[in-house]
Amino acid sequence: MLVSAAALLALAACAQIQQEWRSIRSEMRPGDSTASAAAASPRSRGCAELAAAADANLTISETSAQGAQEIDGFQIPAHCLVKGVIDPRTGAGNRAFGIGFELRLPSEWNGRFLYQGGGGHEGVVRPAIGKVPLSGATAQPALARGYAVIATDAGHTGADPSFATDQQARIDYAYNALGRATRVAKALIARQYGRAPDKSYAMGCSQGGRAAMIAAQRFPTEYDGIVACDPAFSSARAAIAASWSLNQFLRIAPRDAARRPILAQALSQADLQLLSIAVLQACDDKDGLSDGLIFNRAACRFDPGQLQCGRGQSVGCLSAAKVQAVRAVFAGPRDGQRRALYADFPYDAGVAAGNWRRWRLGEATTGAYDASDYTYGHAILTRYFMTPPQAQLEPQGVNFDEVWPQIWQQAAATDATSTYLTTFVARGGKMIILQGLSDPAFSANDITAWYDRMARDTGGAGGAQSFARLFLLPGVTHCGGGAGLDDVDPLGAIEAWVERGTAPDRMIARGRAVADTSRPICPHPAYARYNGRGDTKDAANFTCQR
């Protein structure tokens, strides 16, 4: 077999790194951890030297030593910043493609690696600091804790689904960008520090949460710990639900001067507030305390029909058309035979939150829709999942009897719905999933059903608790916000579980919407119940029970 000169040089460099690391290890005192020894070692390579790792499949555009600084409101330590493109190419339409990335390597490395998931249609490389991906999270980002962190654009530029006319770009977005970036990041980490990561984690919300689940399902030997928040794991069917919701609300929306439906006015804020209050009245006290947070979801029974206006009534109620639309949206999409195309959604108090409105209804005062169900959900349905793409198809043109055959090909490549995780589990892998109960984009009932199927297929309910736990966040909308508690630290929890065997029996959560309040968030199917005594704002006075 012929070996290129470049390959021989790479092998020689690798051998030198390994020799340096053996020297470092020989100087360690008994009891020193590998991570602490690496952090104390001055023998990591200079940042600029990483540019030499470039080849035909890896373009490196920047290697720069970064001092301590503030990024996204967090204090970030000194680190090496590497930017580049993996597998650059020219694709369909003569458009430039490739997996854009940035990798941040802390000067004091703790031996851990994190893949930071993106969001939406991707197409943008966000700062690779490993922030806990919930809007209310105040926990330190992974980079500030000493992790090496990579972020990617998932294989294309531009935050819209126009990339989906290119076959390889679809594959990259679905899963390949994660796999390629993982291996490139680990190779650069080894080149910089002289060894591979001790532990590897993936974390993200929405599409980033889907990527985290893909890490466990498609790359089970690469990752030790997964944190998936509000994951778009069944995004093809959720995209159907987005178009379904648009159809229900567009039917009842008032019209603008051009006779176009004004989606944002299908339900007023007073309507949503009325709905939220009614849900709380029906379900709030089922966990032992009326506090604006519905923890005992299983005991919640609510029908919006109780709000329907009576004869001559027009204030403090919903019209029959509005009740019908709300019922249809929360029940989820159906075909002409009434077969479910996606899960139903739980009723929860967060329906009155701004993030719920932005997803379902938007805020535009004309017929130019700006709801995320349209700009993201319907767009990805018609331009990415449909084969071939149907970019001009409006929500009212979706045929719910025929939509699944149009999208199943891409759904099979993209959705993280596998329930057979035996390799991941056998290697000691652990998974934490967080889901807002008021998420209008991805149903909490859907991820709960997936978790129960996974428990059955990968070892039974008791077995599932030993490696995967699902935490449902009352009042929380998509990736944080809403009327609930969205300030938690799942990264710290997964690290403790993977590395110290400390399973998260509860996670303490706080939130800006509920001032001076803490609650335990319990793993499904348990929920937090007030003990009946003590400060109702203190998590210590709540017990996880089934």
Protein backbone atom coordinates (compact mmCIF):
# COMPACT_ATOMS: atom_id res chain seq x y z
CA MET A 1 0.00 0.00 0.00
CA LEU A 2 1.35 3.44 -0.94
CA VAL A 3 1.48 6.06 1.81
CA SER A 4 1.63 9.76 0.90
CA ALA A 5 4.28 12.08 2.29
CA ALA A 6 1.56 14.09 4.00
CA ALA A 7 0.29 10.97 5.72
CA LEU A 8 3.80 10.06 6.89
CA LEU A 9 4.25 13.54 8.32
CA ALA A 10 0.91 13.27 10.09
CA LEU A 11 1.90 9.91 11.56
CA ALA A 12 5.19 11.32 12.73
CA ALA A 13 3.44 14.29 14.35
CA CYS A 14 1.01 11.94 16.04
CA ALA A 15 3.88 9.82 17.37
CA GLN A 16 5.57 12.93 18.74
CA ILE A 17 2.37 14.00 20.48
CA GLN A 18 1.94 10.54 21.99
CA GLN A 19 5.53 10.60 23.23
CA GLU A 20 4.98 14.02 24.81
CA TRP A 21 1.84 12.78 26.52
CA ARG A 22 3.61 9.68 27.87
CA SER A 23 6.21 12.04 29.32
CA ILE A 24 3.50 14.10 30.98
CA ARG A 25 1.84 10.99 32.37
CA SER A 26 5.15 9.77 33.80
CA GLU A 27 5.46 13.02 35.77
CA MET A 28 2.03 12.69 37.35
CA ARG A 29 1.84 11.87 41.03
CA PRO A 30 -0.30 8.92 42.09
CA GLY A 31 -3.88 10.11 42.46
CA ASP A 32 -3.58 12.93 39.91
CA SER A 33 -6.45 12.91 37.43
CA THR A 34 -5.76 12.86 33.73
CA ALA A 35 -7.86 15.99 33.27
CA SER A 36 -6.09 17.99 35.98
CA ALA A 37 -2.69 16.95 34.69
CA ALA A 38 -3.59 18.09 31.18
CA ALA A 39 -4.93 21.39 32.52
CA ALA A 40 -1.70 22.06 34.38
CA SER A 41 0.53 21.00 31.49
CA PRO A 42 2.18 23.74 29.39
CA ARG A 43 2.79 21.23 26.62
CA SER A 44 -0.32 21.82 24.53
CA ARG A 45 0.53 23.06 21.07
CA GLY A 46 0.42 26.67 20.04
CA CYS A 47 -2.89 27.69 18.53
CA ALA A 48 -1.40 28.71 15.18
CA GLU A 49 0.08 25.25 14.69
CA LEU A 50 -3.39 23.78 14.22
CA ALA A 51 -3.52 25.38 10.76
CA ALA A 52 -1.20 22.59 9.64
CA ALA A 53 -4.07 20.13 10.05
CA ALA A 54 -5.74 21.47 6.89
CA ASP A 55 -6.04 19.20 3.86
CA ALA A 56 -8.31 18.71 0.86
CA ASN A 57 -11.24 17.84 3.11
CA LEU A 58 -10.58 20.41 5.82
CA THR A 59 -10.18 24.14 5.25
CA ILE A 60 -8.96 26.12 8.25
CA SER A 61 -9.61 29.83 7.88
CA GLU A 62 -8.58 31.00 11.35
CA THR A 63 -6.53 29.89 14.32
CA SER A 64 -6.31 32.60 16.95
CA ALA A 65 -5.43 32.76 20.61
CA GLN A 66 -8.34 34.38 22.47
CA GLY A 67 -8.00 36.01 25.85
CA ALA A 68 -10.59 35.88 28.59
CA GLN A 69 -13.71 37.70 27.43
CA GLU A 70 -17.47 37.98 27.70
CA ILE A 71 -19.62 36.09 25.18
CA ASP A 72 -23.42 36.08 25.35
CA GLY A 73 -23.27 37.49 28.86
CA PHE A 74 -20.91 34.81 30.22
CA GLN A 75 -17.27 35.13 31.23
CA ILE A 76 -15.22 32.87 29.00
CA PRO A 77 -11.61 31.89 29.77
CA ALA A 78 -8.60 32.11 27.44
CA HIS A 79 -8.81 29.64 24.60
CA CYS A 80 -7.77 28.79 21.07
CA LEU A 81 -10.36 29.55 18.40
CA VAL A 82 -10.33 27.46 15.21
CA LYS A 83 -12.66 28.18 12.29
CA GLY A 84 -12.99 26.30 9.04
CA VAL A 85 -15.03 24.19 6.66
CA ILE A 86 -15.21 20.40 6.51
CA ASP A 87 -15.70 18.80 3.09
CA PRO A 88 -15.95 22.01 1.03
CA ARG A 89 -17.57 21.46 -2.38
CA THR A 90 -19.70 22.95 -5.10
CA GLY A 91 -23.21 21.51 -5.14
CA ALA A 92 -26.54 21.83 -6.91
CA GLY A 93 -27.10 25.19 -8.56
CA ASN A 94 -23.34 25.84 -8.49
CA ARG A 95 -23.70 26.77 -4.83
CA ALA A 96 -20.83 26.45 -2.35
CA PHE A 97 -21.42 23.91 0.39
CA GLY A 98 -19.46 22.47 3.29
CA ILE A 99 -19.75 21.98 7.04
CA GLY A 100 -18.74 25.29 8.56
CA PHE A 101 -17.53 25.07 12.14
CA GLU A 102 -15.78 26.75 14.99
CA LEU A 103 -13.92 24.90 17.70
CA ARG A 104 -12.85 26.52 20.96
CA LEU A 105 -10.05 24.84 22.93
CA PRO A 106 -9.54 26.19 26.45
CA SER A 107 -6.03 26.88 27.70
CA GLU A 108 -6.93 24.91 30.82
CA TRP A 109 -8.70 21.86 29.45
CA ASN A 110 -10.62 19.48 31.72
CA GLY A 111 -10.44 16.54 29.30
CA ARG A 112 -14.05 16.86 28.12
CA PHE A 113 -15.53 17.55 24.67
CA LEU A 114 -18.97 18.95 23.81
CA TYR A 115 -20.83 19.08 20.51
CA GLN A 116 -23.07 22.14 20.64
CA GLY A 117 -26.26 21.69 18.62
CA GLY A 118 -27.73 24.52 16.57
CA GLY A 119 -31.34 25.37 15.82
CA GLY A 120 -33.98 26.12 13.23
CA HIS A 121 -32.86 25.64 9.64
CA GLU A 122 -29.25 25.89 10.88
CA GLY A 123 -26.99 27.62 8.30
CA VAL A 124 -25.20 29.72 10.94
CA VAL A 125 -22.21 28.89 13.12
CA ARG A 126 -23.03 30.16 16.59
CA PRO A 127 -20.33 30.92 19.18
CA ALA A 128 -19.07 27.55 20.40
CA ILE A 129 -19.27 28.15 24.13
CA GLY A 130 -21.62 25.29 25.08
CA LYS A 131 -24.33 27.37 26.73
CA VAL A 132 -27.14 25.42 28.38
CA PRO A 133 -29.72 25.85 25.58
CA LEU A 134 -32.70 27.18 27.54
CA SER A 135 -33.43 30.90 27.50
CA GLY A 136 -33.57 31.19 31.29
CA ALA A 137 -30.43 29.16 32.03
CA THR A 138 -27.81 30.89 34.17
CA ALA A 139 -25.45 27.91 34.57
CA GLN A 140 -21.89 28.30 33.30
CA PRO A 141 -21.35 27.33 29.66
CA ALA A 142 -19.25 24.26 28.94
CA LEU A 143 -16.27 26.31 27.71
CA ALA A 144 -16.18 28.20 31.01
CA ARG A 145 -16.04 24.83 32.79
CA GLY A 146 -13.03 23.72 30.76
CA TYR A 147 -14.68 21.78 27.92
CA ALA A 148 -13.49 21.90 24.32
CA VAL A 149 -16.59 22.87 22.29
CA ILE A 150 -17.49 22.67 18.61
CA ALA A 151 -20.46 24.22 16.77
CA THR A 152 -21.39 23.84 13.09
CA ASP A 153 -23.78 25.24 10.48
CA ALA A 154 -24.95 21.67 9.67
CA GLY A 155 -23.51 21.79 6.16
CA HIS A 156 -24.84 24.97 4.55
CA THR A 157 -24.97 28.74 4.88
CA GLY A 158 -28.17 30.76 5.07
CA ALA A 159 -30.87 30.30 7.71
CA ASP A 160 -33.59 29.03 5.36
CA PRO A 161 -34.39 25.68 3.71
CA SER A 162 -33.12 26.62 0.23
CA PHE A 163 -30.16 24.30 0.82
CA ALA A 164 -32.50 21.32 0.46
CA THR A 165 -32.30 21.34 -3.35
CA ASP A 166 -28.86 19.75 -2.85
CA GLN A 167 -28.88 16.03 -2.01
CA GLN A 168 -25.70 16.03 0.07
CA ALA A 169 -26.79 19.13 1.98
CA ARG A 170 -29.91 17.23 3.04
CA ILE A 171 -27.73 14.37 4.27
CA ASP A 172 -25.43 16.77 6.12
CA TYR A 173 -28.35 18.50 7.83
CA ALA A 174 -29.94 15.18 8.76
CA TYR A 175 -26.93 13.59 10.46
CA ASN A 176 -23.66 13.69 8.52
CA ALA A 177 -22.50 17.13 9.71
CA LEU A 178 -22.64 15.86 13.29
CA GLY A 179 -20.62 12.74 12.49
CA ARG A 180 -17.97 14.54 10.43
CA ALA A 181 -17.59 17.41 12.89
CA THR A 182 -17.27 14.98 15.78
CA ARG A 183 -14.31 13.19 14.21
CA VAL A 184 -12.62 16.39 13.05
CA ALA A 185 -13.02 17.96 16.49
CA LYS A 186 -11.56 14.93 18.24
CA ALA A 187 -8.60 14.86 15.85
CA LEU A 188 -7.88 18.56 16.45
CA ILE A 189 -8.26 18.08 20.20
CA ALA A 190 -5.72 15.23 20.10
CA ARG A 191 -3.39 17.39 18.03
CA GLN A 192 -3.69 20.28 20.47
CA TYR A 193 -3.50 18.44 23.80
CA GLY A 194 -1.75 15.22 22.87
CA ARG A 195 -4.67 12.93 23.62
CA ALA A 196 -8.30 12.27 22.89
CA PRO A 197 -11.08 13.50 25.17
CA ASP A 198 -11.80 11.47 28.27
CA LYS A 199 -15.55 12.01 27.87
CA SER A 200 -17.67 13.36 25.02
CA TYR A 201 -21.06 15.04 25.32
CA ALA A 202 -23.68 16.43 22.93
CA MET A 203 -26.17 19.11 23.96
CA GLY A 204 -28.73 21.24 22.18
CA CYS A 205 -32.32 22.43 21.95
CA SER A 206 -34.87 22.06 19.14
CA GLN A 207 -32.89 20.96 16.05
CA GLY A 208 -29.86 20.92 18.36
CA GLY A 209 -31.76 18.58 20.67
CA ARG A 210 -32.51 16.36 17.69
CA ALA A 211 -28.79 16.36 16.85
CA ALA A 212 -28.02 15.31 20.43
CA MET A 213 -30.41 12.37 20.11
CA ILE A 214 -28.92 11.54 16.69
CA ALA A 215 -25.53 11.35 18.44
CA ALA A 216 -26.84 8.50 20.62
CA GLN A 217 -28.74 6.79 17.79
CA ARG A 218 -26.38 7.05 14.79
CA PHE A 219 -23.00 7.49 16.53
CA PRO A 220 -23.38 5.41 19.71
CA THR A 221 -19.63 4.79 20.13
CA GLU A 222 -18.69 8.49 19.94
CA TYR A 223 -20.62 9.99 22.87
CA ASP A 224 -20.90 9.31 26.58
CA GLY A 225 -23.60 11.80 27.58
CA ILE A 226 -26.54 13.42 25.82
CA VAL A 227 -28.61 16.48 26.81
CA ALA A 228 -31.58 17.04 24.50
CA CYS A 229 -33.89 19.97 25.23
CA ASP A 230 -37.26 20.24 23.44
CA PRO A 231 -35.81 18.02 20.72
CA ALA A 232 -37.16 18.16 17.18
CA PHE A 233 -36.67 14.41 17.13
CA SER A 234 -39.84 13.72 15.12
CA SER A 235 -39.54 16.90 13.10
CA ALA A 236 -41.21 15.61 9.91
CA ARG A 237 -44.48 14.87 11.69
CA ALA A 238 -44.15 18.02 13.82
CA ALA A 239 -43.86 19.99 10.57
CA ILE A 240 -47.19 18.47 9.50
CA ALA A 241 -48.62 19.65 12.82
CA ALA A 242 -47.36 23.18 12.11
CA SER A 243 -49.20 23.32 8.79
CA TRP A 244 -52.28 21.78 10.40
CA SER A 245 -52.29 24.46 13.11
CA LEU A 246 -51.93 27.20 10.50
CA ASN A 247 -54.93 25.81 8.64
CA GLN A 248 -57.12 25.77 11.75
CA PHE A 249 -56.32 29.34 12.75
CA LEU A 250 -56.36 30.76 9.23
CA ARG A 251 -59.95 29.55 8.84
CA ILE A 252 -61.14 31.75 11.71
CA ALA A 253 -58.78 34.71 11.27
CA PRO A 254 -60.18 38.12 10.30
CA ARG A 255 -59.14 39.52 6.91
CA ASP A 256 -56.95 42.46 5.96
CA ALA A 257 -57.77 44.97 3.23
CA ALA A 258 -56.55 42.53 0.58
CA ARG A 259 -58.83 39.77 1.98
CA ARG A 260 -55.89 37.83 3.34
CA PRO A 261 -56.35 36.17 6.76
CA ILE A 262 -54.54 37.95 9.60
CA LEU A 263 -53.18 34.90 11.42
CA ALA A 264 -52.06 36.80 14.54
CA GLN A 265 -55.64 37.91 15.20
CA ALA A 266 -57.21 34.44 15.06
CA LEU A 267 -56.98 34.49 18.86
CA SER A 268 -56.54 37.66 20.89
CA GLN A 269 -54.24 37.86 23.87
CA ALA A 270 -57.38 38.02 26.02
CA ASP A 271 -58.48 34.71 24.47
CA LEU A 272 -55.15 33.09 25.31
CA GLN A 273 -55.21 34.47 28.85
CA LEU A 274 -58.74 33.13 29.31
CA LEU A 275 -57.59 29.72 28.10
CA SER A 276 -54.56 29.73 30.40
CA ILE A 277 -56.61 30.63 33.46
CA ALA A 278 -59.18 27.95 32.69
CA VAL A 279 -56.48 25.28 32.34
CA LEU A 280 -55.02 26.29 35.70
CA GLN A 281 -58.42 26.19 37.36
CA ALA A 282 -58.93 22.66 36.06
CA CYS A 283 -55.47 21.22 36.71
CA ASP A 284 -53.23 23.36 38.93
CA ASP A 285 -54.13 21.84 42.31
CA LYS A 286 -53.64 18.23 41.21
CA ASP A 287 -50.06 18.36 42.56
CA GLY A 288 -51.17 19.52 46.01
CA LEU A 289 -50.68 23.25 45.45
CA SER A 290 -52.31 25.99 43.37
CA ASP A 291 -49.29 27.99 42.30
CA GLY A 292 -49.63 28.55 38.55
CA LEU A 293 -47.59 25.41 37.70
CA ILE A 294 -49.15 22.12 36.60
CA PHE A 295 -46.86 19.29 37.67
CA ASN A 296 -49.34 16.40 37.74
CA ARG A 297 -49.96 16.36 34.01
CA ALA A 298 -51.49 12.88 34.01
CA ALA A 299 -54.36 14.07 36.23
CA CYS A 300 -55.16 17.11 34.06
CA ARG A 301 -58.55 16.95 32.35
CA PHE A 302 -59.53 19.97 30.30
CA ASP A 303 -61.78 20.76 27.34
CA PRO A 304 -61.91 24.27 25.83
CA GLY A 305 -65.63 23.69 25.21
CA GLN A 306 -66.27 24.87 28.75
CA LEU A 307 -65.28 28.36 27.56
CA GLN A 308 -67.70 28.49 24.64
CA CYS A 309 -69.97 31.52 24.63
CA GLY A 310 -73.59 30.99 25.49
CA ARG A 311 -76.52 32.71 23.79
CA GLY A 312 -76.06 36.46 23.90
CA GLN A 313 -72.59 36.17 25.52
CA SER A 314 -69.51 37.73 23.87
CA VAL A 315 -67.19 38.68 26.73
CA GLY A 316 -65.13 36.27 28.84
CA CYS A 317 -65.73 33.36 26.50
CA LEU A 318 -64.66 31.87 23.16
CA SER A 319 -66.79 31.64 20.05
CA ALA A 320 -67.73 28.20 18.78
CA ALA A 321 -65.29 28.63 15.87
CA LYS A 322 -62.42 29.48 18.23
CA VAL A 323 -63.22 26.50 20.47
CA GLN A 324 -63.20 24.22 17.43
CA ALA A 325 -59.86 25.60 16.23
CA VAL A 326 -58.22 25.27 19.66
CA ARG A 327 -59.48 21.70 20.01
CA ALA A 328 -58.16 20.76 16.57
CA VAL A 329 -54.73 22.30 17.17
CA PHE A 330 -54.23 20.60 20.54
CA ALA A 331 -55.55 17.28 19.23
CA GLY A 332 -52.90 17.32 16.50
CA PRO A 333 -53.20 16.71 12.75
CA ARG A 334 -55.46 14.01 11.33
CA ASP A 335 -56.02 12.63 7.86
CA GLY A 336 -59.46 12.14 6.33
CA GLN A 337 -59.85 8.84 8.17
CA ARG A 338 -59.13 10.58 11.50
CA ARG A 339 -55.79 8.80 11.83
CA ALA A 340 -53.19 10.75 13.78
CA LEU A 341 -50.33 12.25 11.78
CA TYR A 342 -48.59 13.59 14.91
CA ALA A 343 -49.14 13.54 18.67
CA ASP A 344 -51.63 15.66 20.56
CA PHE A 345 -50.42 18.52 22.77
CA PRO A 346 -50.99 18.82 26.54
CA TYR A 347 -53.00 21.76 27.79
CA ASP A 348 -50.76 23.90 29.98
CA ALA A 349 -50.70 27.40 31.45
CA GLY A 350 -47.93 28.60 29.11
CA VAL A 351 -50.42 29.06 26.25
CA ALA A 352 -50.66 32.76 27.15
CA ALA A 353 -46.89 33.29 26.93
CA GLY A 354 -45.35 35.35 24.18
CA ASN A 355 -43.30 32.45 22.86
CA TRP A 356 -46.45 30.36 22.33
CA ARG A 357 -48.01 33.19 20.34
CA ARG A 358 -44.86 33.73 18.29
CA TRP A 359 -44.86 30.08 17.25
CA ARG A 360 -48.55 29.54 16.59
CA LEU A 361 -49.93 32.94 15.59
CA GLY A 362 -47.14 35.47 15.18
CA GLU A 363 -47.59 39.20 15.58
CA ALA A 364 -48.04 40.52 12.01
CA THR A 365 -51.01 42.85 11.56
CA THR A 366 -51.46 41.91 7.90
CA GLY A 367 -51.77 38.70 5.90
CA ALA A 368 -47.97 38.38 5.73
CA TYR A 369 -47.55 35.58 8.27
CA ASP A 370 -44.60 35.76 10.67
CA ALA A 371 -45.50 32.85 12.98
CA SER A 372 -42.72 30.28 13.43
CA ASP A 373 -45.20 27.60 12.41
CA TYR A 374 -45.04 29.24 8.98
CA THR A 375 -41.47 30.54 8.72
CA TYR A 376 -39.96 27.38 10.18
CA GLY A 377 -42.48 24.52 10.39
CA HIS A 378 -44.35 24.88 7.11
CA ALA A 379 -41.16 25.96 5.33
CA ILE A 380 -39.21 22.87 6.36
CA LEU A 381 -42.20 20.66 5.51
CA THR A 382 -42.50 21.89 1.94
CA ARG A 383 -38.88 22.73 1.09
CA TYR A 384 -36.91 20.06 2.97
CA PHE A 385 -39.11 17.10 3.85
CA MET A 386 -41.17 16.97 0.67
CA THR A 387 -39.55 15.02 -2.16
CA PRO A 388 -39.21 16.83 -4.45
CA PRO A 389 -39.45 20.20 -2.66
CA GLN A 390 -42.63 22.24 -3.15
CA ALA A 391 -41.43 25.70 -2.20
CA GLN A 392 -44.57 27.49 -3.47
CA LEU A 393 -47.07 25.36 -1.57
CA GLU A 394 -49.05 27.38 1.00
CA PRO A 395 -50.54 25.86 4.16
CA GLN A 396 -54.04 25.82 2.70
CA GLY A 397 -52.72 23.66 -0.15
CA VAL A 398 -51.42 20.82 2.03
CA ASN A 399 -53.39 17.63 1.50
CA PHE A 400 -53.30 15.82 4.84
CA ASP A 401 -54.39 12.57 3.20
CA GLU A 402 -51.32 12.59 0.96
CA VAL A 403 -48.66 14.47 2.93
CA TRP A 404 -46.96 11.49 4.63
CA PRO A 405 -46.07 9.68 1.39
CA GLN A 406 -44.55 12.97 0.21
CA ILE A 407 -42.17 13.31 3.16
CA TRP A 408 -41.34 9.83 4.48
CA GLN A 409 -38.07 9.53 2.51
CA GLN A 410 -36.44 12.51 4.19
CA ALA A 411 -38.10 11.75 7.51
CA ALA A 412 -36.34 8.38 7.55
CA ALA A 413 -32.96 10.09 7.22
CA THR A 414 -33.64 12.97 9.59
CA ASP A 415 -35.84 11.94 12.49
CA ALA A 416 -34.21 10.73 15.70
CA THR A 417 -36.97 8.25 16.49
CA SER A 418 -34.94 5.07 16.98
CA THR A 419 -35.73 3.29 20.25
CA TYR A 420 -32.98 0.65 20.12
CA LEU A 421 -29.92 2.06 21.89
CA THR A 422 -28.12 -1.06 23.10
CA THR A 423 -24.61 -0.07 21.96
CA PHE A 424 -24.89 3.38 23.54
CA VAL A 425 -26.13 1.85 26.78
CA ALA A 426 -23.54 -0.96 26.83
CA ARG A 427 -20.76 1.63 26.70
CA GLY A 428 -22.19 3.39 29.74
CA GLY A 429 -23.94 6.17 27.81
CA LYS A 430 -26.43 8.38 29.66
CA MET A 431 -29.16 10.68 28.37
CA ILE A 432 -31.16 13.55 29.87
CA ILE A 433 -34.13 14.98 27.98
CA LEU A 434 -35.88 18.17 29.05
CA GLN A 435 -39.22 19.13 27.52
CA GLY A 436 -41.42 22.17 28.08
CA LEU A 437 -45.02 21.17 28.71
CA SER A 438 -46.14 24.35 26.93
CA ASP A 439 -43.90 23.86 23.90
CA PRO A 440 -46.07 24.66 20.85
CA ALA A 441 -43.48 23.34 18.37
CA PHE A 442 -42.82 19.82 19.65
CA SER A 443 -45.35 18.04 21.81
CA ALA A 444 -44.44 16.83 25.29
CA ASN A 445 -46.81 13.93 24.66
CA ASP A 446 -44.73 12.90 21.64
CA ILE A 447 -41.39 12.72 23.49
CA THR A 448 -43.09 10.98 26.43
CA ALA A 449 -44.48 8.31 24.08
CA TRP A 450 -41.01 7.91 22.51
CA TYR A 451 -39.43 7.52 25.94
CA ASP A 452 -41.92 4.81 26.90
CA ARG A 453 -41.29 2.94 23.62
CA MET A 454 -37.55 3.25 24.11
CA ALA A 455 -37.89 1.90 27.66
CA ARG A 456 -39.69 -1.13 26.26
CA ASP A 457 -37.28 -1.72 23.37
CA THR A 458 -33.97 -1.11 25.15
CA GLY A 459 -34.58 -2.94 28.37
CA GLY A 460 -37.81 -2.18 30.22
CA ALA A 461 -38.87 0.80 32.33
CA GLY A 462 -36.49 0.02 35.19
CA GLY A 463 -33.65 -0.37 32.77
CA ALA A 464 -34.46 2.89 31.01
CA GLN A 465 -34.19 4.84 34.26
CA SER A 466 -30.66 3.53 34.60
CA PHE A 467 -29.47 5.33 31.46
CA ALA A 468 -32.12 7.83 30.28
CA ARG A 469 -34.37 10.25 32.13
CA LEU A 470 -37.04 12.60 30.85
CA PHE A 471 -37.86 15.81 32.73
CA LEU A 472 -41.04 17.76 31.90
CA LEU A 473 -41.00 21.50 32.65
CA PRO A 474 -44.44 22.96 33.52
CA GLY A 475 -45.33 26.26 31.87
CA VAL A 476 -42.15 26.31 29.76
CA THR A 477 -42.47 26.96 26.03
CA HIS A 478 -40.00 26.14 23.25
CA CYS A 479 -36.38 26.19 24.49
CA GLY A 480 -37.33 28.19 27.56
CA GLY A 481 -39.58 31.09 28.36
CA GLY A 482 -43.23 30.94 29.26
CA ALA A 483 -44.80 30.85 32.69
CA GLY A 484 -42.58 28.21 34.23
CA LEU A 485 -39.13 27.22 35.47
CA ASP A 486 -36.47 27.15 32.75
CA ASP A 487 -33.29 27.76 34.76
CA VAL A 488 -31.71 24.33 35.26
CA ASP A 489 -28.25 22.82 34.78
CA PRO A 490 -28.59 19.57 32.82
CA LEU A 491 -24.92 19.69 31.77
CA GLY A 492 -23.81 19.42 35.38
CA ALA A 493 -26.35 16.64 35.92
CA ILE A 494 -25.23 14.57 32.93
CA GLU A 495 -21.58 15.00 33.84
CA ALA A 496 -22.24 13.75 37.39
CA TRP A 497 -24.21 10.79 36.05
CA VAL A 498 -21.67 9.73 33.41
CA GLU A 499 -18.53 10.27 35.46
CA ARG A 500 -19.58 9.68 39.06
CA GLY A 501 -22.62 7.45 38.68
CA THR A 502 -24.89 9.99 40.38
CA ALA A 503 -28.25 9.59 38.64
CA PRO A 504 -30.45 12.73 38.61
CA ASP A 505 -33.38 11.78 40.86
CA ARG A 506 -34.45 15.41 40.59
CA MET A 507 -33.16 18.66 39.13
CA ILE A 508 -33.72 21.94 40.93
CA ALA A 509 -35.25 24.54 38.64
CA ARG A 510 -35.92 28.25 38.89
CA GLY A 511 -37.26 30.78 36.44
CA ARG A 512 -37.70 34.48 35.82
CA ALA A 513 -41.46 34.01 35.44
CA VAL A 514 -41.77 32.65 38.99
CA ALA A 515 -39.68 34.95 41.17
CA ASP A 516 -37.83 33.63 44.25
CA THR A 517 -39.17 30.13 43.63
CA SER A 518 -37.44 26.78 43.25
CA ARG A 519 -38.98 23.44 42.43
CA PRO A 520 -37.70 19.94 41.92
CA ILE A 521 -38.21 18.70 38.37
CA CYS A 522 -38.75 14.96 38.65
CA PRO A 523 -37.97 12.26 36.06
CA HIS A 524 -41.00 10.96 34.16
CA PRO A 525 -43.34 9.45 35.26
CA ALA A 526 -42.84 11.08 38.66
CA TYR A 527 -43.92 14.65 39.41
CA ALA A 528 -43.22 17.18 42.18
CA ARG A 529 -45.91 17.25 44.88
CA TYR A 530 -46.10 19.71 47.75
CA ASN A 531 -45.63 18.05 51.15
CA GLY A 532 -48.32 20.23 52.71
CA ARG A 533 -46.04 22.18 55.02
CA GLY A 534 -43.19 24.66 54.77
CA ASP A 535 -42.41 27.44 52.31
CA THR A 536 -44.22 26.78 49.04
CA LYS A 537 -41.43 28.56 47.15
CA ASP A 538 -38.73 26.18 48.42
CA ALA A 539 -37.95 22.98 46.50
CA ALA A 540 -37.05 21.25 49.77
CA ASN A 541 -40.75 21.06 50.64
CA PHE A 542 -41.68 19.03 47.57
CA THR A 543 -41.40 15.28 46.96
CA CYS A 544 -41.12 13.38 43.71
CA GLN A 545 -43.94 10.86 43.51
CA ARG A 546 -45.88 8.87 40.95
